[in-house]
C-alpha atoms as a PDB file:
ATOM      1  CA  UNK A   1     106.920  96.433  72.194  1.00  0.00           C
ATOM      2  CA  UNK A   2     103.686  96.170  74.185  1.00  0.00           C
ATOM      3  CA  UNK A   3     102.770  99.497  75.745  1.00  0.00           C
ATOM      4  CA  UNK A   4      99.624  98.545  77.580  1.00  0.00           C
ATOM      5  CA  UNK A   5      98.995 100.439  80.787  1.00  0.00           C
ATOM      6  CA  UNK A   6      98.910  98.805  84.198  1.00  0.00           C
ATOM      7  CA  UNK A   7      97.807 100.458  87.437  1.00  0.00           C
ATOM      8  CA  UNK A   8      97.819 100.056  91.201  1.00  0.00           C
ATOM      9  CA  UNK A   9      94.593 101.861  92.043  1.00  0.00           C
ATOM     10  CA  UNK A  10      92.950  98.883  93.750  1.00  0.00           C
ATOM     11  CA  UNK A  11      96.010  98.366  95.966  1.00  0.00           C
ATOM     12  CA  UNK A  12      96.107 102.036  96.903  1.00  0.00           C
ATOM     13  CA  UNK A  13      92.372 102.050  97.657  1.00  0.00           C
ATOM     14  CA  UNK A  14      92.731  98.928  99.761  1.00  0.00           C
ATOM     15  CA  UNK A  15      95.615 100.437 101.715  1.00  0.00           C
ATOM     16  CA  UNK A  16      93.508 103.531 102.380  1.00  0.00           C
ATOM     17  CA  UNK A  17      90.393 101.393 103.011  1.00  0.00           C
ATOM     18  CA  UNK A  18      88.167 103.378 100.664  1.00  0.00           C
ATOM     19  CA  UNK A  19      85.622 102.226  98.101  1.00  0.00           C
ATOM     20  CA  UNK A  20      85.531 103.116  94.431  1.00  0.00           C
ATOM     21  CA  UNK A  21      82.639 105.451  95.236  1.00  0.00           C
ATOM     22  CA  UNK A  22      84.597 107.230  97.965  1.00  0.00           C
ATOM     23  CA  UNK A  23      87.593 107.670  95.674  1.00  0.00           C
ATOM     24  CA  UNK A  24      85.371 108.911  92.862  1.00  0.00           C
ATOM     25  CA  UNK A  25      83.785 111.515  95.120  1.00  0.00           C
ATOM     26  CA  UNK A  26      87.191 112.600  96.429  1.00  0.00           C
ATOM     27  CA  UNK A  27      88.550 113.371  92.957  1.00  0.00           C
ATOM     28  CA  UNK A  28      85.312 114.499  91.305  1.00  0.00           C
ATOM     29  CA  UNK A  29      84.557 111.676  88.879  1.00  0.00           C
ATOM     30  CA  UNK A  30      81.976 108.896  88.698  1.00  0.00           C
ATOM     31  CA  UNK A  31      82.372 105.500  90.343  1.00  0.00           C
ATOM     32  CA  UNK A  32      82.145 104.010  86.847  1.00  0.00           C
ATOM     33  CA  UNK A  33      85.189 106.038  85.802  1.00  0.00           C
ATOM     34  CA  UNK A  34      87.195 104.643  88.713  1.00  0.00           C
ATOM     35  CA  UNK A  35      85.995 101.130  87.901  1.00  0.00           C
ATOM     36  CA  UNK A  36      86.870 101.302  84.205  1.00  0.00           C
ATOM     37  CA  UNK A  37      90.300 102.821  84.872  1.00  0.00           C
ATOM     38  CA  UNK A  38      91.029 100.327  87.647  1.00  0.00           C
ATOM     39  CA  UNK A  39      90.106  97.359  85.429  1.00  0.00           C
ATOM     40  CA  UNK A  40      92.069  98.840  82.509  1.00  0.00           C
ATOM     41  CA  UNK A  41      89.065  99.164  80.194  1.00  0.00           C
ATOM     42  CA  UNK A  42      89.670 102.921  79.983  1.00  0.00           C
ATOM     43  CA  UNK A  43      92.887 104.935  79.860  1.00  0.00           C
ATOM     44  CA  UNK A  44      92.453 107.988  82.068  1.00  0.00           C
ATOM     45  CA  UNK A  45      93.117 111.548  81.041  1.00  0.00           C
ATOM     46  CA  UNK A  46      96.164 113.293  82.402  1.00  0.00           C
ATOM     47  CA  UNK A  47      93.845 115.304  84.648  1.00  0.00           C
ATOM     48  CA  UNK A  48      92.363 112.174  86.222  1.00  0.00           C
ATOM     49  CA  UNK A  49      95.821 110.621  86.613  1.00  0.00           C
ATOM     50  CA  UNK A  50      97.094 113.760  88.349  1.00  0.00           C
ATOM     51  CA  UNK A  51      94.038 113.913  90.622  1.00  0.00           C
ATOM     52  CA  UNK A  52      94.580 110.278  91.605  1.00  0.00           C
ATOM     53  CA  UNK A  53      98.257 110.943  92.333  1.00  0.00           C
ATOM     54  CA  UNK A  54      97.375 114.011  94.406  1.00  0.00           C
ATOM     55  CA  UNK A  55      94.733 112.077  96.340  1.00  0.00           C
ATOM     56  CA  UNK A  56      97.081 109.212  97.203  1.00  0.00           C
ATOM     57  CA  UNK A  57     100.037 111.588  97.668  1.00  0.00           C
ATOM     58  CA  UNK A  58     102.213 109.626  95.234  1.00  0.00           C
ATOM     59  CA  UNK A  59     103.717 110.210  91.800  1.00  0.00           C
ATOM     60  CA  UNK A  60     101.671 109.336  88.713  1.00  0.00           C
ATOM     61  CA  UNK A  61     104.369 106.759  87.926  1.00  0.00           C
ATOM     62  CA  UNK A  62     103.618 105.074  91.262  1.00  0.00           C
ATOM     63  CA  UNK A  63     100.053 104.477  90.074  1.00  0.00           C
ATOM     64  CA  UNK A  64     100.473 103.845  86.356  1.00  0.00           C
ATOM     65  CA  UNK A  65     103.165 101.879  84.554  1.00  0.00           C
ATOM     66  CA  UNK A  66     103.671 100.603  81.056  1.00  0.00           C
ATOM     67  CA  UNK A  67     103.804  96.822  80.869  1.00  0.00           C
ATOM     68  CA  UNK A  68     107.107  97.056  79.004  1.00  0.00           C
ATOM     69  CA  UNK A  69     108.853  99.049  81.775  1.00  0.00           C
ATOM     70  CA  UNK A  70     110.629  95.990  83.195  1.00  0.00           C
ATOM     71  CA  UNK A  71     111.986  95.155  79.758  1.00  0.00           C
ATOM     72  CA  UNK A  72     113.183  98.738  79.209  1.00  0.00           C
ATOM     73  CA  UNK A  73     114.800  98.906  82.650  1.00  0.00           C
ATOM     74  CA  UNK A  74     116.700  95.667  81.967  1.00  0.00           C
ATOM     75  CA  UNK A  75     118.074  97.172  78.748  1.00  0.00           C
ATOM     76  CA  UNK A  76     119.423 100.159  80.686  1.00  0.00           C
ATOM     77  CA  UNK A  77     121.418  98.031  83.137  1.00  0.00           C
END
């Protein structure tokens, strides 16, 4: 089972038309933090994940998913 994390930060930023820098400032982190989370080189803390969800007004699960979620969902059907 591959439990690598995937995210939709770039899509959410694009929809809101904000830069990595603007998002970073809005949630109180560095632009580099946003970049490394967005490109999946860094797994964010729960605090950062919750701040992102609050900023975009979505659930954490709407931003972050495990790559094996589709496989698990198919097993439940």
